[in-house]
C-alpha atoms as a PDB file:
ATOM      1  CA  MET A   1      60.750-112.227-238.775  1.00  0.00           C
ATOM      2  CA  PRO A   2      58.687-110.221-236.217  1.00  0.00           C
ATOM      3  CA  VAL A   3      54.928-110.309-236.475  1.00  0.00           C
ATOM      4  CA  ASP A   4      52.931-107.138-235.921  1.00  0.00           C
ATOM      5  CA  ILE A   5      50.602-107.040-232.925  1.00  0.00           C
ATOM      6  CA  ARG A   6      47.848-104.667-231.819  1.00  0.00           C
ATOM      7  CA  VAL A   7      47.935-103.000-228.416  1.00  0.00           C
ATOM      8  CA  THR A   8      45.827-100.331-226.743  1.00  0.00           C
ATOM      9  CA  VAL A   9      47.434 -97.497-224.781  1.00  0.00           C
ATOM     10  CA  ARG A  10      45.229 -95.879-222.125  1.00  0.00           C
ATOM     11  CA  LEU A  11      45.977 -92.213-221.439  1.00  0.00           C
ATOM     12  CA  PHE A  12      45.170 -90.355-218.232  1.00  0.00           C
ATOM     13  CA  ALA A  13      45.241 -86.760-216.979  1.00  0.00           C
ATOM     14  CA  SER A  14      47.304 -84.347-219.098  1.00  0.00           C
ATOM     15  CA  LEU A  15      48.245 -87.109-221.562  1.00  0.00           C
ATOM     16  CA  ARG A  16      44.559 -87.651-222.328  1.00  0.00           C
ATOM     17  CA  GLU A  17      44.054 -83.906-222.741  1.00  0.00           C
ATOM     18  CA  ALA A  18      47.056 -83.582-225.073  1.00  0.00           C
ATOM     19  CA  ALA A  19      45.871 -86.466-227.258  1.00  0.00           C
ATOM     20  CA  GLY A  20      42.230 -85.405-227.192  1.00  0.00           C
ATOM     21  CA  ARG A  21      41.198 -88.964-226.386  1.00  0.00           C
ATOM     22  CA  ASP A  22      41.615 -91.546-223.640  1.00  0.00           C
ATOM     23  CA  ARG A  23      43.099 -94.375-225.675  1.00  0.00           C
ATOM     24  CA  VAL A  24      45.321 -94.979-228.675  1.00  0.00           C
ATOM     25  CA  ASP A  25      45.408 -98.206-230.667  1.00  0.00           C
ATOM     26  CA  LEU A  26      48.849 -99.065-232.016  1.00  0.00           C
ATOM     27  CA  THR A  27      50.329-101.720-234.265  1.00  0.00           C
ATOM     28  CA  VAL A  28      53.864-102.656-233.192  1.00  0.00           C
ATOM     29  CA  PRO A  29      56.273-105.544-233.807  1.00  0.00           C
ATOM     30  CA  SER A  30      55.804-108.432-231.363  1.00  0.00           C
ATOM     31  CA  ALA A  31      57.937-108.225-228.220  1.00  0.00           C
ATOM     32  CA  THR A  32      58.235-104.427-228.485  1.00  0.00           C
ATOM     33  CA  PRO A  33      59.079-103.204-224.962  1.00  0.00           C
ATOM     34  CA  VAL A  34      56.328-101.225-223.260  1.00  0.00           C
ATOM     35  CA  GLY A  35      58.693 -98.278-222.786  1.00  0.00           C
ATOM     36  CA  ALA A  36      58.941 -97.890-226.571  1.00  0.00           C
ATOM     37  CA  VAL A  37      55.274 -96.952-226.978  1.00  0.00           C
ATOM     38  CA  TRP A  38      56.005 -93.406-225.768  1.00  0.00           C
ATOM     39  CA  ASP A  39      57.672 -92.586-229.088  1.00  0.00           C
ATOM     40  CA  LEU A  40      54.650 -93.922-230.999  1.00  0.00           C
ATOM     41  CA  LEU A  41      52.044 -91.729-229.320  1.00  0.00           C
ATOM     42  CA  PRO A  42      50.237 -89.036-231.304  1.00  0.00           C
ATOM     43  CA  GLU A  43      51.696 -85.612-231.903  1.00  0.00           C
ATOM     44  CA  GLY A  44      51.146 -83.373-228.920  1.00  0.00           C
ATOM     45  CA  VAL A  45      51.722 -86.172-226.420  1.00  0.00           C
ATOM     46  CA  ALA A  46      55.238 -87.462-227.025  1.00  0.00           C
ATOM     47  CA  GLU A  47      56.924 -84.259-228.167  1.00  0.00           C
ATOM     48  CA  ALA A  48      59.410 -84.529-225.296  1.00  0.00           C
ATOM     49  CA  PRO A  49      61.048 -87.471-223.545  1.00  0.00           C
ATOM     50  CA  PRO A  50      58.837 -89.399-221.115  1.00  0.00           C
ATOM     51  CA  PRO A  51      58.344 -87.427-217.896  1.00  0.00           C
ATOM     52  CA  ASP A  52      60.295 -88.454-214.813  1.00  0.00           C
ATOM     53  CA  GLY A  53      58.235 -90.860-212.761  1.00  0.00           C
ATOM     54  CA  LEU A  54      56.113 -92.134-215.665  1.00  0.00           C
ATOM     55  CA  ARG A  55      54.818 -95.582-214.735  1.00  0.00           C
ATOM     56  CA  TYR A  56      53.651 -98.351-217.025  1.00  0.00           C
ATOM     57  CA  ALA A  57      51.010-100.992-216.409  1.00  0.00           C
ATOM     58  CA  VAL A  58      50.455-103.857-218.812  1.00  0.00           C
ATOM     59  CA  ASN A  59      47.090-105.575-218.402  1.00  0.00           C
ATOM     60  CA  HIS A  60      46.617-103.913-214.974  1.00  0.00           C
ATOM     61  CA  VAL A  61      50.039-105.040-213.653  1.00  0.00           C
ATOM     62  CA  TRP A  62      52.789-102.498-212.920  1.00  0.00           C
ATOM     63  CA  SER A  63      55.605-103.184-215.371  1.00  0.00           C
ATOM     64  CA  ILE A  64      59.136-102.040-216.107  1.00  0.00           C
ATOM     65  CA  PRO A  65      59.857-100.263-219.413  1.00  0.00           C
ATOM     66  CA  GLY A  66      61.540-103.383-220.842  1.00  0.00           C
ATOM     67  CA  THR A  67      58.469-105.608-220.477  1.00  0.00           C
ATOM     68  CA  PRO A  68      57.714-107.148-223.903  1.00  0.00           C
ATOM     69  CA  LEU A  69      54.268-106.596-225.372  1.00  0.00           C
ATOM     70  CA  HIS A  70      51.924-109.231-226.772  1.00  0.00           C
ATOM     71  CA  ASP A  71      48.933-109.061-229.066  1.00  0.00           C
ATOM     72  CA  GLY A  72      45.896-107.531-227.355  1.00  0.00           C
ATOM     73  CA  ASP A  73      47.790-106.033-224.409  1.00  0.00           C
ATOM     74  CA  GLU A  74      46.383-102.948-222.722  1.00  0.00           C
ATOM     75  CA  ILE A  75      48.987-100.442-221.568  1.00  0.00           C
ATOM     76  CA  ALA A  76      48.293 -97.693-219.067  1.00  0.00           C
ATOM     77  CA  LEU A  77      50.617 -94.702-218.891  1.00  0.00           C
ATOM     78  CA  VAL A  78      50.379 -93.178-215.430  1.00  0.00           C
ATOM     79  CA  LEU A  79      51.963 -89.836-214.605  1.00  0.00           C
ATOM     80  CA  PRO A  80      53.300 -89.064-211.145  1.00  0.00           C
ATOM     81  CA  VAL A  81      50.785 -87.395-208.861  1.00  0.00           C
ATOM     82  CA  SER A  82      51.624 -84.296-206.864  1.00  0.00           C
ATOM     83  CA  GLY A  83      49.721 -82.452-204.251  1.00  0.00           C
ATOM     84  CA  GLY A  84      49.103 -82.690-200.618  1.00  0.00           C
END
């Protein structure tokens, strides 16, 4: 039986603006993949599929969407940067 864990999702740029805050605390089942947090974000942020090029970092380490989460993890969602 999965145990629930607490994680913190850090939001940057337009994600932060859409949420109206820079972080979201979530409770998820243990071993939830980091890519699944997108669907758990507040209304206004995850109304569409994740944007192309979205990158995930778990505890300051770039991670693939299938990386399992553990209690206390900090997730950063980083959008692609454009410009020149």
